[in-house]
């Protein structure tokens, strides 16, 4: 599977090369500071796990990198050049694709239509242009098979697929359309163990193909299975920033559960 994905990799990228760099990034909404002092580097061929509970700042971080909301403090660099995105399209033009938790798919629309949603292949001139249906079906089927995803019928509604399969279709779509940085927003949040395993497998495949992957989650066990670098956010700040070799799953879980604050609470309860 990794070999088939690797043909999409940028040959000019080297393992570990910095693709996205955030330095002292902050974001305020009026008097509310959603993020402050965030330092984060997304590297080619690595999965960066960004963890935190609700309200920790994960969604704001996604919105900044994906171009939905501009940052107010610090700097954001892509390929070493400072950027200030004004739209998701601008981020996408820089090779940054986001797969949101709700997937942005149309449940009643065919698998191949969802694969090309917003980027349909057309023939002829407006207003008489039509879609290249056969070619889009062929490409969608080929690209899904390259990732090991075989659907019963490329014409079936995507809503008939499992949650894990829909996630994988969204990942395959992003890779096909040239993503170099892939942001996955809570991809396993609503999935069972088996389907979560499917998504984690394709997350690892994207990493092994040379993409920089940002894996947003509140589940340290899932993050640790595929992650190379971990950042834990709490109330808009990074409270942990470590490479996989420098942190254990137990420590990651403990910090997610409250870390030193949890130990202090336990001590108070025992008094």
Protein backbone atom coordinates (compact mmCIF):
# COMPACT_ATOMS: atom_id res chain seq x y z
CA UNK A 1 0.00 0.00 0.00
CA UNK A 2 2.82 2.38 0.85
CA UNK A 3 4.44 1.73 -2.53
CA UNK A 4 1.26 2.68 -4.37
CA UNK A 5 0.86 5.86 -2.37
CA UNK A 6 4.49 6.81 -2.85
CA UNK A 7 3.96 7.80 -6.47
CA UNK A 8 2.06 10.85 -5.16
CA UNK A 9 4.95 11.94 -2.96
CA UNK A 10 6.88 15.07 -3.87
CA UNK A 11 10.32 13.87 -5.07
CA UNK A 12 11.87 17.17 -3.96
CA UNK A 13 10.95 16.56 -0.32
CA UNK A 14 13.31 14.78 2.04
CA UNK A 15 12.36 12.85 5.17
CA UNK A 16 11.98 15.20 8.13
CA UNK A 17 11.96 18.39 6.08
CA UNK A 18 9.93 21.17 7.71
CA UNK A 19 6.75 21.80 5.71
CA UNK A 20 4.78 23.97 8.15
CA UNK A 21 6.33 25.96 10.99
CA UNK A 22 4.37 27.86 13.62
CA UNK A 23 6.36 30.18 15.89
CA UNK A 24 4.71 31.83 18.92
CA UNK A 25 1.37 31.70 17.11
CA UNK A 26 -1.62 33.16 18.90
CA UNK A 27 -5.26 33.74 18.04
CA UNK A 28 -7.76 36.01 19.76
CA UNK A 29 -11.46 36.43 19.17
CA UNK A 30 -12.10 39.80 20.72
CA UNK A 31 -11.19 39.50 24.40
CA UNK A 32 -10.96 35.71 24.21
CA UNK A 33 -7.49 34.24 23.58
CA UNK A 34 -8.01 30.86 21.97
CA UNK A 35 -4.31 30.16 21.34
CA UNK A 36 -1.10 31.68 22.65
CA UNK A 37 2.59 30.98 22.15
CA UNK A 38 2.16 27.89 19.98
CA UNK A 39 5.32 26.44 18.42
CA UNK A 40 4.70 23.54 16.06
CA UNK A 41 6.62 22.04 13.15
CA UNK A 42 5.04 19.61 10.68
CA UNK A 43 7.67 17.54 8.89
CA UNK A 44 7.61 15.41 5.75
CA UNK A 45 7.16 11.73 6.50
CA UNK A 46 6.00 12.29 10.06
CA UNK A 47 2.74 12.24 11.99
CA UNK A 48 2.35 15.07 14.50
CA UNK A 49 -0.27 14.20 17.10
CA UNK A 50 -2.08 17.23 18.50
CA UNK A 51 -4.07 16.24 21.58
CA UNK A 52 -6.38 18.00 23.96
CA UNK A 53 -9.86 18.01 25.46
CA UNK A 54 -12.75 20.12 24.22
CA UNK A 55 -11.84 23.79 24.45
CA UNK A 56 -8.09 23.11 24.42
CA UNK A 57 -7.55 24.98 21.16
CA UNK A 58 -7.33 22.10 18.68
CA UNK A 59 -10.06 23.46 16.39
CA UNK A 60 -8.49 26.92 16.35
CA UNK A 61 -5.13 25.40 15.42
CA UNK A 62 -6.74 23.54 12.51
CA UNK A 63 -8.48 26.68 11.31
CA UNK A 64 -5.23 28.64 11.22
CA UNK A 65 -3.24 26.03 9.29
CA UNK A 66 -6.10 25.29 6.90
CA UNK A 67 -6.76 28.97 6.12
CA UNK A 68 -10.17 29.33 7.73
CA UNK A 69 -9.04 31.91 10.30
CA UNK A 70 -5.89 34.07 10.20
CA UNK A 71 -3.60 34.15 13.24
CA UNK A 72 -3.10 37.45 15.12
CA UNK A 73 0.28 36.71 16.72
CA UNK A 74 3.52 35.01 15.73
CA UNK A 75 4.44 33.61 12.34
CA UNK A 76 3.27 30.78 10.12
CA UNK A 77 5.68 29.50 7.47
CA UNK A 78 5.14 27.02 4.66
CA UNK A 79 8.28 25.70 2.98
CA UNK A 80 10.28 28.32 4.87
CA UNK A 81 8.24 31.28 3.60
CA UNK A 82 5.96 33.27 5.87
CA UNK A 83 2.28 33.11 4.91
CA UNK A 84 -0.95 34.62 6.18
CA UNK A 85 -3.77 32.59 4.65
CA UNK A 86 -7.01 34.37 3.84
CA UNK A 87 -8.96 31.28 2.68
CA UNK A 88 -8.88 27.46 2.63
CA UNK A 89 -8.28 27.61 -1.13
CA UNK A 90 -5.06 29.50 -0.50
CA UNK A 91 -3.91 26.85 1.97
CA UNK A 92 -4.86 24.12 -0.49
CA UNK A 93 -2.79 25.86 -3.17
CA UNK A 94 0.16 25.45 -0.78
CA UNK A 95 -0.54 21.72 -0.52
CA UNK A 96 -2.40 21.76 2.82
CA UNK A 97 -5.58 19.65 2.85
CA UNK A 98 -7.91 19.09 5.79
CA UNK A 99 -10.20 16.12 6.39
CA UNK A 100 -12.75 17.36 8.92
CA UNK A 101 -14.63 15.18 11.36
CA UNK A 102 -17.86 15.61 9.39
CA UNK A 103 -15.88 14.79 6.19
CA UNK A 104 -17.73 17.35 4.02
CA UNK A 105 -19.24 14.55 1.94
CA UNK A 106 -22.71 14.32 0.45
CA UNK A 107 -24.20 11.08 1.76
CA UNK A 108 -26.64 10.48 -1.10
CA UNK A 109 -24.07 11.27 -3.80
CA UNK A 110 -22.02 8.53 -5.45
CA UNK A 111 -18.54 7.64 -4.21
CA UNK A 112 -16.87 8.96 -7.37
CA UNK A 113 -18.83 12.22 -7.23
CA UNK A 114 -17.67 12.79 -3.66
CA UNK A 115 -14.10 11.99 -4.67
CA UNK A 116 -14.17 14.87 -7.19
CA UNK A 117 -16.54 17.12 -5.24
CA UNK A 118 -15.62 20.72 -6.05
CA UNK A 119 -12.92 19.66 -8.53
CA UNK A 120 -14.99 18.00 -11.25
CA UNK A 121 -13.36 17.25 -14.61
CA UNK A 122 -15.27 18.93 -17.44
CA UNK A 123 -15.25 18.96 -21.21
CA UNK A 124 -16.40 21.60 -23.66
CA UNK A 125 -16.93 25.29 -23.04
CA UNK A 126 -19.35 27.02 -20.74
CA UNK A 127 -22.32 27.15 -20.69
CA UNK A 128 -22.45 23.85 -22.60
CA UNK A 129 -19.69 22.00 -20.76
CA UNK A 130 -20.32 18.58 -19.29
CA UNK A 131 -18.52 16.31 -16.85
CA UNK A 132 -16.06 13.61 -17.87
CA UNK A 133 -18.02 10.98 -16.00
CA UNK A 134 -16.25 7.84 -17.27
CA UNK A 135 -12.82 9.30 -16.63
CA UNK A 136 -13.72 10.44 -13.13
CA UNK A 137 -15.16 7.03 -12.26
CA UNK A 138 -12.02 5.32 -13.55
CA UNK A 139 -9.66 7.62 -11.65
CA UNK A 140 -11.64 7.43 -8.41
CA UNK A 141 -11.70 3.63 -8.54
CA UNK A 142 -7.97 3.42 -9.36
CA UNK A 143 -6.95 5.83 -6.60
CA UNK A 144 -9.04 4.06 -3.98
CA UNK A 145 -7.59 0.70 -5.00
CA UNK A 146 -4.08 2.12 -4.68
CA UNK A 147 -4.86 2.68 -1.02
CA UNK A 148 -6.31 -0.79 -0.71
CA UNK A 149 -9.89 0.49 -0.63
CA UNK A 150 -12.19 -1.63 -2.76
CA UNK A 151 -15.81 -0.45 -2.76
CA UNK A 152 -18.65 -2.66 -3.88
CA UNK A 153 -19.73 -0.18 -6.55
CA UNK A 154 -18.13 3.18 -7.37
CA UNK A 155 -21.68 4.35 -8.17
CA UNK A 156 -23.07 3.55 -4.73
CA UNK A 157 -23.92 6.44 -2.40
CA UNK A 158 -20.98 7.20 -0.11
CA UNK A 159 -23.42 7.15 2.82
CA UNK A 160 -23.59 3.35 2.42
CA UNK A 161 -19.90 3.01 3.30
CA UNK A 162 -18.71 2.55 6.86
CA UNK A 163 -17.33 5.50 8.78
CA UNK A 164 -13.80 4.21 8.38
CA UNK A 165 -14.22 3.75 4.63
CA UNK A 166 -15.56 7.29 4.25
CA UNK A 167 -12.53 8.62 6.11
CA UNK A 168 -10.24 6.69 3.79
CA UNK A 169 -12.01 8.01 0.69
CA UNK A 170 -11.45 11.53 2.01
CA UNK A 171 -7.76 10.79 2.64
CA UNK A 172 -7.33 9.28 -0.84
CA UNK A 173 -9.00 12.35 -2.36
CA UNK A 174 -6.65 14.71 -0.55
CA UNK A 175 -3.58 12.72 -1.61
CA UNK A 176 -4.72 12.58 -5.24
CA UNK A 177 -5.22 16.32 -5.42
CA UNK A 178 -1.67 17.01 -4.33
CA UNK A 179 -1.74 17.34 -0.55
CA UNK A 180 1.71 17.52 1.01
CA UNK A 181 0.35 18.30 4.46
CA UNK A 182 -2.71 16.33 5.58
CA UNK A 183 -4.71 17.52 8.60
CA UNK A 184 -7.00 14.88 10.09
CA UNK A 185 -9.60 16.26 12.49
CA UNK A 186 -10.60 13.62 15.07
CA UNK A 187 -10.67 10.89 12.37
CA UNK A 188 -11.41 8.06 14.82
CA UNK A 189 -13.72 9.89 17.23
CA UNK A 190 -16.97 8.22 16.17
CA UNK A 191 -15.53 4.87 15.04
CA UNK A 192 -15.31 1.44 16.61
CA UNK A 193 -12.05 -0.44 17.15
CA UNK A 194 -11.94 -2.15 13.75
CA UNK A 195 -12.79 0.97 11.73
CA UNK A 196 -10.37 3.04 13.78
CA UNK A 197 -7.68 0.53 12.88
CA UNK A 198 -8.47 1.01 9.19
CA UNK A 199 -8.10 4.79 9.45
CA UNK A 200 -4.87 4.52 11.45
CA UNK A 201 -3.45 2.18 8.81
CA UNK A 202 -4.06 4.72 6.04
CA UNK A 203 -2.76 7.53 8.23
CA UNK A 204 0.51 5.61 8.56
CA UNK A 205 0.50 4.96 4.81
CA UNK A 206 0.22 8.69 4.09
CA UNK A 207 3.13 9.35 6.44
CA UNK A 208 5.25 6.61 4.84
CA UNK A 209 4.55 8.15 1.42
CA UNK A 210 6.30 11.32 2.60
CA UNK A 211 3.34 13.50 3.60
CA UNK A 212 3.37 15.57 6.75
CA UNK A 213 0.32 14.49 8.76
CA UNK A 214 -1.32 16.44 11.59
CA UNK A 215 -3.44 14.00 13.61
CA UNK A 216 -5.91 15.88 15.83
CA UNK A 217 -7.39 13.71 18.56
CA UNK A 218 -8.39 13.42 22.20
CA UNK A 219 -7.35 9.74 22.22
CA UNK A 220 -3.69 9.28 23.29
CA UNK A 221 -3.78 5.56 22.48
CA UNK A 222 -4.66 6.21 18.83
CA UNK A 223 -2.15 9.05 18.58
CA UNK A 224 0.66 6.93 20.02
CA UNK A 225 0.06 4.12 17.53
CA UNK A 226 0.98 6.32 14.55
CA UNK A 227 2.59 9.47 15.98
CA UNK A 228 6.20 10.60 15.72
CA UNK A 229 5.82 13.85 17.65
CA UNK A 230 3.19 14.91 20.17
CA UNK A 231 1.80 18.23 21.34
CA UNK A 232 -0.83 18.48 24.08
CA UNK A 233 -2.90 21.64 24.24
CA UNK A 234 -4.68 22.92 27.31
CA UNK A 235 -6.63 26.18 27.41
CA UNK A 236 -4.84 27.42 24.30
CA UNK A 237 -1.32 26.62 25.45
CA UNK A 238 1.04 23.72 24.74
CA UNK A 239 1.66 21.82 27.99
CA UNK A 240 3.65 19.01 26.36
CA UNK A 241 5.83 18.98 23.23
CA UNK A 242 7.91 15.83 22.79
CA UNK A 243 9.21 13.38 20.23
CA UNK A 244 7.97 9.79 20.46
CA UNK A 245 11.37 8.65 21.75
CA UNK A 246 11.07 11.06 24.69
CA UNK A 247 7.58 10.20 25.92
CA UNK A 248 5.76 7.01 26.90
CA UNK A 249 2.12 6.23 26.31
CA UNK A 250 1.58 6.33 30.07
CA UNK A 251 2.98 9.85 30.29
CA UNK A 252 0.95 10.98 27.30
CA UNK A 253 -2.20 9.54 28.86
CA UNK A 254 -1.42 11.06 32.25
CA UNK A 255 -0.88 14.52 30.76
CA UNK A 256 -4.13 14.21 28.81
CA UNK A 257 -5.93 13.27 32.02
CA UNK A 258 -4.64 16.33 33.84
CA UNK A 259 -1.01 15.54 34.66
CA UNK A 260 0.27 17.23 37.81
CA UNK A 261 -3.14 18.74 38.50
CA UNK A 262 -4.64 15.25 38.65
CA UNK A 263 -1.94 14.12 41.09
CA UNK A 264 -2.59 17.19 43.25
CA UNK A 265 -6.33 16.51 43.23
CA UNK A 266 -5.71 12.89 44.24
CA UNK A 267 -3.49 14.08 47.08
CA UNK A 268 -6.20 16.47 48.30
CA UNK A 269 -8.80 13.69 48.28
CA UNK A 270 -6.58 11.50 50.43
CA UNK A 271 -6.04 14.14 53.11
